[in-house]
């Protein structure tokens, strides 16, 4: 099954490109966070499920929104075509659907595996810290958001992510990284004339 993971990685890299906000570098950072959570919490996970879910969790962004839905549809088709067992497919699909807070809330998706919880936390950790701070601007400038809309996004979403974590390691890291975001935003606003 290593070849399936390698293929999923290659597809994600090709489809998502090098964009800092939701491109392939984000996927690699999420994978790093995911395995840090597993080690810190001493979790028993299926590496196949976790790596496939990580590599495919955002691939639907090239299709549209809700990206979690399109990523899950793509993942199911891809994995079934590769002959991956049904149990693995269902766990990967569920983890992908669950990782998006807005999609899982709207569709009432419940996590069905520890891998789903790990992916959810890992994805959110990459939205925090200085990396997360830069990702917010990279994305919002690309879609034409105003500074006011960007600041609102920090308050309505980014600063609330720490409350959505499942594991103690994730909660502690999220609190630390959220403070970095808060300080960075305060510094930025103090230098902008419209903030005075």
C-alpha atoms as a PDB file:
ATOM      1  CA  UNK A   1       0.000   0.000   0.000  1.00  0.00           C
ATOM      2  CA  UNK A   2       3.045   2.290   0.124  1.00  0.00           C
ATOM      3  CA  UNK A   3       2.580   2.952  -3.584  1.00  0.00           C
ATOM      4  CA  UNK A   4      -0.956   4.249  -2.920  1.00  0.00           C
ATOM      5  CA  UNK A   5       0.360   6.693  -0.316  1.00  0.00           C
ATOM      6  CA  UNK A   6       3.109   7.820  -2.715  1.00  0.00           C
ATOM      7  CA  UNK A   7       0.522   8.312  -5.467  1.00  0.00           C
ATOM      8  CA  UNK A   8      -1.745  10.307  -3.132  1.00  0.00           C
ATOM      9  CA  UNK A   9       1.217  12.484  -2.184  1.00  0.00           C
ATOM     10  CA  UNK A  10       2.128  13.055  -5.839  1.00  0.00           C
ATOM     11  CA  UNK A  11      -1.475  13.927  -6.758  1.00  0.00           C
ATOM     12  CA  UNK A  12      -1.723  16.421  -3.888  1.00  0.00           C
ATOM     13  CA  UNK A  13       1.560  18.038  -4.854  1.00  0.00           C
ATOM     14  CA  UNK A  14       0.529  18.370  -8.506  1.00  0.00           C
ATOM     15  CA  UNK A  15      -3.027  19.519  -7.824  1.00  0.00           C
ATOM     16  CA  UNK A  16      -2.384  21.994  -5.010  1.00  0.00           C
ATOM     17  CA  UNK A  17       0.811  23.658  -6.216  1.00  0.00           C
ATOM     18  CA  UNK A  18       3.213  25.649  -4.071  1.00  0.00           C
ATOM     19  CA  UNK A  19       0.818  28.227  -2.615  1.00  0.00           C
ATOM     20  CA  UNK A  20       1.605  29.011   1.022  1.00  0.00           C
ATOM     21  CA  UNK A  21      -1.976  29.177   2.278  1.00  0.00           C
ATOM     22  CA  UNK A  22      -3.599  25.967   0.975  1.00  0.00           C
ATOM     23  CA  UNK A  23      -0.971  24.589  -1.389  1.00  0.00           C
ATOM     24  CA  UNK A  24       1.115  21.461  -0.965  1.00  0.00           C
ATOM     25  CA  UNK A  25       3.446  23.056   1.645  1.00  0.00           C
ATOM     26  CA  UNK A  26       0.367  23.255   3.910  1.00  0.00           C
ATOM     27  CA  UNK A  27      -0.205  19.508   3.437  1.00  0.00           C
ATOM     28  CA  UNK A  28       3.358  18.708   4.485  1.00  0.00           C
ATOM     29  CA  UNK A  29       3.056  20.949   7.550  1.00  0.00           C
ATOM     30  CA  UNK A  30      -0.215  19.228   8.506  1.00  0.00           C
ATOM     31  CA  UNK A  31       1.500  15.844   8.191  1.00  0.00           C
ATOM     32  CA  UNK A  32       4.295  17.047  10.484  1.00  0.00           C
ATOM     33  CA  UNK A  33       1.759  18.250  13.071  1.00  0.00           C
ATOM     34  CA  UNK A  34      -0.236  15.013  12.777  1.00  0.00           C
ATOM     35  CA  UNK A  35       2.715  12.797  13.570  1.00  0.00           C
ATOM     36  CA  UNK A  36       3.833  15.117  16.384  1.00  0.00           C
ATOM     37  CA  UNK A  37       0.376  14.693  17.951  1.00  0.00           C
ATOM     38  CA  UNK A  38       0.583  10.902  17.563  1.00  0.00           C
ATOM     39  CA  UNK A  39       4.009  10.801  19.267  1.00  0.00           C
ATOM     40  CA  UNK A  40       3.169  13.291  22.023  1.00  0.00           C
ATOM     41  CA  UNK A  41      -0.085  11.518  22.905  1.00  0.00           C
ATOM     42  CA  UNK A  42       1.323   8.005  22.320  1.00  0.00           C
ATOM     43  CA  UNK A  43      -1.624   7.227  20.042  1.00  0.00           C
ATOM     44  CA  UNK A  44      -2.205   3.981  18.222  1.00  0.00           C
ATOM     45  CA  UNK A  45      -3.040   4.918  14.627  1.00  0.00           C
ATOM     46  CA  UNK A  46      -3.130   3.228  11.243  1.00  0.00           C
ATOM     47  CA  UNK A  47      -0.329   4.995   9.311  1.00  0.00           C
ATOM     48  CA  UNK A  48      -2.078   4.207   6.018  1.00  0.00           C
ATOM     49  CA  UNK A  49      -5.307   5.912   7.092  1.00  0.00           C
ATOM     50  CA  UNK A  50      -3.553   8.921   8.596  1.00  0.00           C
ATOM     51  CA  UNK A  51      -1.185   9.580   5.699  1.00  0.00           C
ATOM     52  CA  UNK A  52      -3.881   9.118   3.046  1.00  0.00           C
ATOM     53  CA  UNK A  53      -6.261  11.424   4.927  1.00  0.00           C
ATOM     54  CA  UNK A  54      -3.537  14.063   5.303  1.00  0.00           C
ATOM     55  CA  UNK A  55      -2.423  13.958   1.679  1.00  0.00           C
ATOM     56  CA  UNK A  56      -5.967  14.038   0.275  1.00  0.00           C
ATOM     57  CA  UNK A  57      -7.725  16.339   2.778  1.00  0.00           C
ATOM     58  CA  UNK A  58      -7.499  19.495   0.639  1.00  0.00           C
ATOM     59  CA  UNK A  59      -7.284  18.064  -2.879  1.00  0.00           C
ATOM     60  CA  UNK A  60     -10.905  19.063  -3.552  1.00  0.00           C
ATOM     61  CA  UNK A  61      -9.947  22.739  -3.396  1.00  0.00           C
ATOM     62  CA  UNK A  62      -9.081  22.533  -7.098  1.00  0.00           C
ATOM     63  CA  UNK A  63     -12.748  21.625  -7.724  1.00  0.00           C
ATOM     64  CA  UNK A  64     -14.453  24.102  -5.411  1.00  0.00           C
ATOM     65  CA  UNK A  65     -16.275  24.517  -2.131  1.00  0.00           C
ATOM     66  CA  UNK A  66     -17.137  22.868   0.148  1.00  0.00           C
ATOM     67  CA  UNK A  67     -13.635  21.490  -0.356  1.00  0.00           C
ATOM     68  CA  UNK A  68     -14.062  18.808   2.325  1.00  0.00           C
ATOM     69  CA  UNK A  69     -16.939  17.315   0.308  1.00  0.00           C
ATOM     70  CA  UNK A  70     -15.030  17.327  -2.982  1.00  0.00           C
ATOM     71  CA  UNK A  71     -11.864  16.036  -1.307  1.00  0.00           C
ATOM     72  CA  UNK A  72     -13.843  13.157   0.224  1.00  0.00           C
ATOM     73  CA  UNK A  73     -15.503  12.305  -3.105  1.00  0.00           C
ATOM     74  CA  UNK A  74     -12.128  12.319  -4.852  1.00  0.00           C
ATOM     75  CA  UNK A  75     -10.507  10.243  -2.093  1.00  0.00           C
ATOM     76  CA  UNK A  76     -13.244   7.594  -2.241  1.00  0.00           C
ATOM     77  CA  UNK A  77     -12.976   7.238  -6.012  1.00  0.00           C
ATOM     78  CA  UNK A  78      -9.182   7.224  -5.995  1.00  0.00           C
ATOM     79  CA  UNK A  79      -8.848   4.675  -3.173  1.00  0.00           C
ATOM     80  CA  UNK A  80     -11.541   2.337  -4.487  1.00  0.00           C
ATOM     81  CA  UNK A  81      -9.923   2.467  -7.922  1.00  0.00           C
ATOM     82  CA  UNK A  82      -6.626   1.446  -6.290  1.00  0.00           C
ATOM     83  CA  UNK A  83      -8.280  -1.500  -4.543  1.00  0.00           C
ATOM     84  CA  UNK A  84      -7.876  -0.143  -1.023  1.00  0.00           C
ATOM     85  CA  UNK A  85     -10.006  -1.991   1.530  1.00  0.00           C
ATOM     86  CA  UNK A  86     -13.421  -0.589   2.433  1.00  0.00           C
ATOM     87  CA  UNK A  87     -12.590  -0.060   6.105  1.00  0.00           C
ATOM     88  CA  UNK A  88      -9.623   2.125   5.234  1.00  0.00           C
ATOM     89  CA  UNK A  89     -11.609   4.035   2.614  1.00  0.00           C
ATOM     90  CA  UNK A  90     -14.415   4.820   5.060  1.00  0.00           C
ATOM     91  CA  UNK A  91     -11.990   6.054   7.732  1.00  0.00           C
ATOM     92  CA  UNK A  92     -10.101   8.249   5.255  1.00  0.00           C
ATOM     93  CA  UNK A  93     -13.317   9.730   3.840  1.00  0.00           C
ATOM     94  CA  UNK A  94     -14.700  10.394   7.318  1.00  0.00           C
ATOM     95  CA  UNK A  95     -11.460  12.057   8.461  1.00  0.00           C
ATOM     96  CA  UNK A  96     -11.484  14.321   5.395  1.00  0.00           C
ATOM     97  CA  UNK A  97     -15.140  15.281   5.902  1.00  0.00           C
ATOM     98  CA  UNK A  98     -14.564  15.903   9.606  1.00  0.00           C
ATOM     99  CA  UNK A  99     -11.408  18.050   9.284  1.00  0.00           C
ATOM    100  CA  UNK A 100     -13.349  21.090   8.062  1.00  0.00           C
ATOM    101  CA  UNK A 101     -15.134  22.683  11.022  1.00  0.00           C
ATOM    102  CA  UNK A 102     -17.734  24.473   8.891  1.00  0.00           C
ATOM    103  CA  UNK A 103     -18.497  21.419   6.727  1.00  0.00           C
ATOM    104  CA  UNK A 104     -18.614  18.921   9.585  1.00  0.00           C
ATOM    105  CA  UNK A 105     -20.876  21.231  11.591  1.00  0.00           C
ATOM    106  CA  UNK A 106     -23.239  21.868   8.672  1.00  0.00           C
ATOM    107  CA  UNK A 107     -23.421  18.188   7.681  1.00  0.00           C
ATOM    108  CA  UNK A 108     -23.302  16.840  11.268  1.00  0.00           C
ATOM    109  CA  UNK A 109     -20.226  14.723  10.533  1.00  0.00           C
ATOM    110  CA  UNK A 110     -19.015  12.810  13.589  1.00  0.00           C
ATOM    111  CA  UNK A 111     -15.423  11.520  13.818  1.00  0.00           C
ATOM    112  CA  UNK A 112     -15.244   7.732  13.482  1.00  0.00           C
ATOM    113  CA  UNK A 113     -11.537   7.194  14.208  1.00  0.00           C
ATOM    114  CA  UNK A 114      -8.598   8.561  16.135  1.00  0.00           C
ATOM    115  CA  UNK A 115      -7.076   9.485  12.769  1.00  0.00           C
ATOM    116  CA  UNK A 116     -10.000  11.850  12.117  1.00  0.00           C
ATOM    117  CA  UNK A 117      -9.324  13.632  15.413  1.00  0.00           C
ATOM    118  CA  UNK A 118      -5.595  13.880  14.655  1.00  0.00           C
ATOM    119  CA  UNK A 119      -6.167  15.335  11.170  1.00  0.00           C
ATOM    120  CA  UNK A 120      -8.652  17.865  12.541  1.00  0.00           C
ATOM    121  CA  UNK A 121      -6.206  19.091  15.187  1.00  0.00           C
ATOM    122  CA  UNK A 122      -3.198  19.081  12.845  1.00  0.00           C
ATOM    123  CA  UNK A 123      -5.012  21.083  10.170  1.00  0.00           C
ATOM    124  CA  UNK A 124      -6.100  23.682  12.715  1.00  0.00           C
ATOM    125  CA  UNK A 125      -2.616  23.950  14.255  1.00  0.00           C
ATOM    126  CA  UNK A 126      -1.291  24.983  10.854  1.00  0.00           C
ATOM    127  CA  UNK A 127      -3.770  27.887  10.910  1.00  0.00           C
ATOM    128  CA  UNK A 128      -2.080  29.263  14.036  1.00  0.00           C
ATOM    129  CA  UNK A 129       1.268  30.811  14.938  1.00  0.00           C
ATOM    130  CA  UNK A 130       3.260  32.973  12.552  1.00  0.00           C
ATOM    131  CA  UNK A 131       2.606  30.434   9.790  1.00  0.00           C
ATOM    132  CA  UNK A 132      -1.142  30.753  10.324  1.00  0.00           C
ATOM    133  CA  UNK A 133      -0.871  34.542  10.487  1.00  0.00           C
ATOM    134  CA  UNK A 134       0.847  34.601   7.084  1.00  0.00           C
ATOM    135  CA  UNK A 135      -1.600  32.066   5.637  1.00  0.00           C
ATOM    136  CA  UNK A 136      -4.550  34.309   6.514  1.00  0.00           C
ATOM    137  CA  UNK A 137      -3.007  37.197   4.593  1.00  0.00           C
ATOM    138  CA  UNK A 138      -1.842  35.035   1.679  1.00  0.00           C
ATOM    139  CA  UNK A 139      -5.361  33.679   1.196  1.00  0.00           C
ATOM    140  CA  UNK A 140      -7.303  36.872   1.854  1.00  0.00           C
ATOM    141  CA  UNK A 141      -5.156  39.052  -0.392  1.00  0.00           C
ATOM    142  CA  UNK A 142      -5.555  36.477  -3.155  1.00  0.00           C
ATOM    143  CA  UNK A 143      -9.356  36.636  -2.910  1.00  0.00           C
ATOM    144  CA  UNK A 144      -9.432  40.429  -2.512  1.00  0.00           C
ATOM    145  CA  UNK A 145     -10.510  40.801   1.131  1.00  0.00           C
ATOM    146  CA  UNK A 146     -10.201  44.183   2.826  1.00  0.00           C
ATOM    147  CA  UNK A 147      -8.091  44.702   5.940  1.00  0.00           C
ATOM    148  CA  UNK A 148     -11.289  44.989   7.955  1.00  0.00           C
ATOM    149  CA  UNK A 149     -12.506  41.639   6.662  1.00  0.00           C
ATOM    150  CA  UNK A 150      -9.147  40.059   7.458  1.00  0.00           C
ATOM    151  CA  UNK A 151      -9.170  41.361  11.042  1.00  0.00           C
ATOM    152  CA  UNK A 152     -12.746  40.088  11.415  1.00  0.00           C
ATOM    153  CA  UNK A 153     -11.597  36.635  10.211  1.00  0.00           C
ATOM    154  CA  UNK A 154      -8.987  36.502  12.969  1.00  0.00           C
ATOM    155  CA  UNK A 155     -11.601  37.258  15.620  1.00  0.00           C
ATOM    156  CA  UNK A 156     -14.399  35.067  14.228  1.00  0.00           C
ATOM    157  CA  UNK A 157     -12.341  32.001  13.318  1.00  0.00           C
ATOM    158  CA  UNK A 158      -8.607  31.947  14.033  1.00  0.00           C
ATOM    159  CA  UNK A 159      -8.774  32.952  17.704  1.00  0.00           C
ATOM    160  CA  UNK A 160     -11.460  30.303  18.310  1.00  0.00           C
ATOM    161  CA  UNK A 161      -9.564  27.330  16.882  1.00  0.00           C
ATOM    162  CA  UNK A 162      -7.858  26.548  20.196  1.00  0.00           C
ATOM    163  CA  UNK A 163     -11.283  25.628  21.624  1.00  0.00           C
ATOM    164  CA  UNK A 164     -11.817  22.973  18.927  1.00  0.00           C
ATOM    165  CA  UNK A 165      -8.786  20.806  19.735  1.00  0.00           C
ATOM    166  CA  UNK A 166      -9.186  17.183  20.834  1.00  0.00           C
ATOM    167  CA  UNK A 167      -5.856  16.266  22.404  1.00  0.00           C
ATOM    168  CA  UNK A 168      -3.980  17.812  25.329  1.00  0.00           C
ATOM    169  CA  UNK A 169      -0.867  18.328  23.204  1.00  0.00           C
ATOM    170  CA  UNK A 170      -2.945  20.116  20.560  1.00  0.00           C
ATOM    171  CA  UNK A 171      -4.680  22.280  23.159  1.00  0.00           C
ATOM    172  CA  UNK A 172      -1.389  23.370  24.711  1.00  0.00           C
ATOM    173  CA  UNK A 173       0.228  24.074  21.329  1.00  0.00           C
ATOM    174  CA  UNK A 174      -2.876  25.910  20.096  1.00  0.00           C
ATOM    175  CA  UNK A 175      -2.908  28.202  23.136  1.00  0.00           C
ATOM    176  CA  UNK A 176       0.771  29.025  22.636  1.00  0.00           C
ATOM    177  CA  UNK A 177       0.385  29.608  18.890  1.00  0.00           C
ATOM    178  CA  UNK A 178      -2.798  31.659  19.304  1.00  0.00           C
ATOM    179  CA  UNK A 179      -0.876  34.102  21.500  1.00  0.00           C
ATOM    180  CA  UNK A 180       1.712  34.474  18.737  1.00  0.00           C
ATOM    181  CA  UNK A 181      -1.060  35.315  16.275  1.00  0.00           C
ATOM    182  CA  UNK A 182      -2.593  37.800  18.698  1.00  0.00           C
ATOM    183  CA  UNK A 183       0.746  39.562  19.243  1.00  0.00           C
ATOM    184  CA  UNK A 184       1.503  39.658  15.514  1.00  0.00           C
ATOM    185  CA  UNK A 185      -1.912  41.140  14.739  1.00  0.00           C
ATOM    186  CA  UNK A 186      -1.546  43.754  17.491  1.00  0.00           C
ATOM    187  CA  UNK A 187       1.890  44.742  16.156  1.00  0.00           C
ATOM    188  CA  UNK A 188       0.555  45.025  12.622  1.00  0.00           C
ATOM    189  CA  UNK A 189      -2.481  47.096  13.597  1.00  0.00           C
ATOM    190  CA  UNK A 190      -0.304  49.436  15.677  1.00  0.00           C
ATOM    191  CA  UNK A 191       1.648  50.286  12.507  1.00  0.00           C
ATOM    192  CA  UNK A 192      -1.360  50.898  10.261  1.00  0.00           C
ATOM    193  CA  UNK A 193      -2.620  54.491  10.049  1.00  0.00           C
ATOM    194  CA  UNK A 194      -6.260  53.392   9.713  1.00  0.00           C
ATOM    195  CA  UNK A 195      -6.026  51.569  13.054  1.00  0.00           C
ATOM    196  CA  UNK A 196      -5.373  54.790  14.979  1.00  0.00           C
END
